[in-house]
Amino acid sequence: LHDLPPFTTLFAVTASGTDEAQVVSTCRYIRSFFDTVLHGRNDCITLGPTPLAVVKVNNRFRYRVNLCCAVSLSGVCCASDKDIRAYISQIVTECSTDKRFKGVSVYADNDPSD
């Protein structure tokens, strides 16, 4: 239980699209981005890409990359870490504008319920 909210902050970056291979490729890119920018930080773990519980909805495949960040002993959560939020914003913007990811929608969520 110590690896779940409220003891950690969970960020989910979800990609969906009609071409499953392209969605998985986008999620792999997102994973490699997080692995690169968070290298050396031991308070964040990147998980995924993984399919959602219901992979295909309305003819769109859905996959997710999760970022689990620990709460410090002082009670300050990395959710307030502007760098983490900036990285998430950067990757969502990049995937939304880069032509390599055409046809794939990417969005982020903080502490998703599913």
Protein backbone atom coordinates (compact mmCIF):
# COMPACT_ATOMS: atom_id res chain seq x y z
CA LEU A 1 0.00 0.00 0.00
CA HIS A 2 2.92 2.38 0.51
CA ASP A 3 3.34 2.58 -3.28
CA LEU A 4 -0.15 3.96 -3.87
CA PRO A 5 -1.84 7.32 -3.21
CA PRO A 6 -1.82 9.08 -0.75
CA PHE A 7 1.73 7.84 -0.03
CA THR A 8 2.75 8.43 -3.64
CA THR A 9 1.50 10.62 -6.43
CA LEU A 10 0.51 8.80 -9.56
CA PHE A 11 0.59 10.52 -12.94
CA ALA A 12 -0.90 8.72 -15.94
CA VAL A 13 -0.12 9.68 -19.51
CA THR A 14 -2.63 7.94 -21.77
CA ALA A 15 -2.45 7.55 -25.53
CA SER A 16 -5.32 6.43 -27.75
CA GLY A 17 -5.74 5.92 -31.46
CA THR A 18 -7.13 3.63 -34.14
CA ASP A 19 -3.75 2.06 -34.99
CA GLU A 20 -2.59 -0.08 -32.05
CA ALA A 21 1.04 -0.24 -33.20
CA GLN A 22 1.22 3.55 -33.43
CA VAL A 23 -0.31 3.96 -29.96
CA VAL A 24 2.19 1.51 -28.44
CA SER A 25 5.05 3.25 -30.28
CA THR A 26 3.93 6.60 -28.87
CA CYS A 27 3.82 5.15 -25.35
CA ARG A 28 7.30 3.70 -25.77
CA TYR A 29 8.53 7.14 -26.80
CA ILE A 30 6.85 8.68 -23.72
CA ARG A 31 8.48 6.03 -21.51
CA SER A 32 11.93 6.69 -22.97
CA PHE A 33 11.40 10.45 -22.52
CA PHE A 34 10.62 10.01 -18.81
CA ASP A 35 13.52 7.58 -18.36
CA THR A 36 15.85 10.17 -19.89
CA VAL A 37 14.69 13.32 -18.07
CA LEU A 38 14.22 11.61 -14.69
CA HIS A 39 17.50 9.69 -14.82
CA GLY A 40 19.17 9.86 -11.42
CA ARG A 41 15.98 10.70 -9.50
CA ASN A 42 15.18 7.93 -7.07
CA ASP A 43 11.81 9.40 -6.03
CA CYS A 44 10.07 8.60 -9.35
CA ILE A 45 9.44 5.29 -11.11
CA THR A 46 8.17 4.96 -14.68
CA LEU A 47 5.85 2.04 -15.43
CA GLY A 48 4.52 0.92 -18.78
CA PRO A 49 3.43 1.11 -21.44
CA THR A 50 0.47 -0.99 -20.38
CA PRO A 51 -2.97 -1.43 -21.94
CA LEU A 52 -5.94 -0.08 -20.04
CA ALA A 53 -8.42 -2.54 -18.53
CA VAL A 54 -10.64 -2.11 -21.59
CA VAL A 55 -8.10 -1.77 -24.38
CA LYS A 56 -10.44 -0.87 -27.23
CA VAL A 57 -13.28 1.63 -26.88
CA ASN A 58 -15.07 3.19 -29.87
CA ASN A 59 -12.56 1.54 -32.22
CA ARG A 60 -9.64 3.27 -30.41
CA PHE A 61 -6.83 1.43 -28.63
CA ARG A 62 -5.79 2.84 -25.24
CA TYR A 63 -2.41 2.44 -23.56
CA ARG A 64 -0.87 4.20 -20.60
CA VAL A 65 2.49 5.14 -19.09
CA ASN A 66 2.41 5.66 -15.32
CA LEU A 67 4.79 7.83 -13.33
CA CYS A 68 4.85 7.04 -9.59
CA CYS A 69 6.49 9.69 -7.41
CA ALA A 70 7.11 9.31 -3.69
CA VAL A 71 6.07 11.71 -0.98
CA SER A 72 9.06 12.98 0.99
CA LEU A 73 9.42 12.48 4.73
CA SER A 74 8.53 16.15 5.24
CA GLY A 75 5.14 15.45 3.65
CA VAL A 76 5.93 17.41 0.50
CA CYS A 77 4.75 15.54 -2.52
CA CYS A 78 6.49 15.66 -5.84
CA ALA A 79 3.12 16.71 -7.29
CA SER A 80 4.21 20.18 -6.26
CA ASP A 81 7.50 19.62 -8.08
CA LYS A 82 7.29 22.00 -11.02
CA ASP A 83 9.86 20.01 -12.97
CA ILE A 84 7.69 16.88 -13.01
CA ARG A 85 4.64 18.81 -14.15
CA ALA A 86 6.70 20.64 -16.78
CA TYR A 87 8.00 17.33 -18.17
CA ILE A 88 4.47 15.94 -18.37
CA SER A 89 3.25 19.08 -20.10
CA GLN A 90 6.20 18.98 -22.48
CA ILE A 91 5.59 15.38 -23.57
CA VAL A 92 1.84 15.87 -24.02
CA THR A 93 2.47 18.98 -26.12
CA GLU A 94 5.18 17.27 -28.15
CA CYS A 95 3.03 14.24 -28.90
CA SER A 96 0.12 16.48 -29.86
CA THR A 97 2.12 18.54 -32.34
CA ASP A 98 4.73 16.13 -33.75
CA LYS A 99 3.73 14.52 -37.06
CA ARG A 100 5.28 11.20 -35.99
CA PHE A 101 2.33 10.78 -33.62
CA LYS A 102 -0.41 11.72 -36.08
CA GLY A 103 -3.67 9.99 -35.25
CA VAL A 104 -2.76 9.44 -31.58
CA SER A 105 -4.32 11.50 -28.80
CA VAL A 106 -2.27 11.95 -25.63
CA TYR A 107 -3.48 13.32 -22.30
CA ALA A 108 -2.30 13.28 -18.69
CA ASP A 109 -4.10 12.71 -15.41
CA ASN A 110 -3.07 13.11 -11.78
CA ASP A 111 -4.03 10.20 -9.48
CA PRO A 112 -6.39 8.48 -11.95
CA SER A 113 -9.25 6.49 -10.45
CA ASP A 114 -8.96 3.51 -12.81
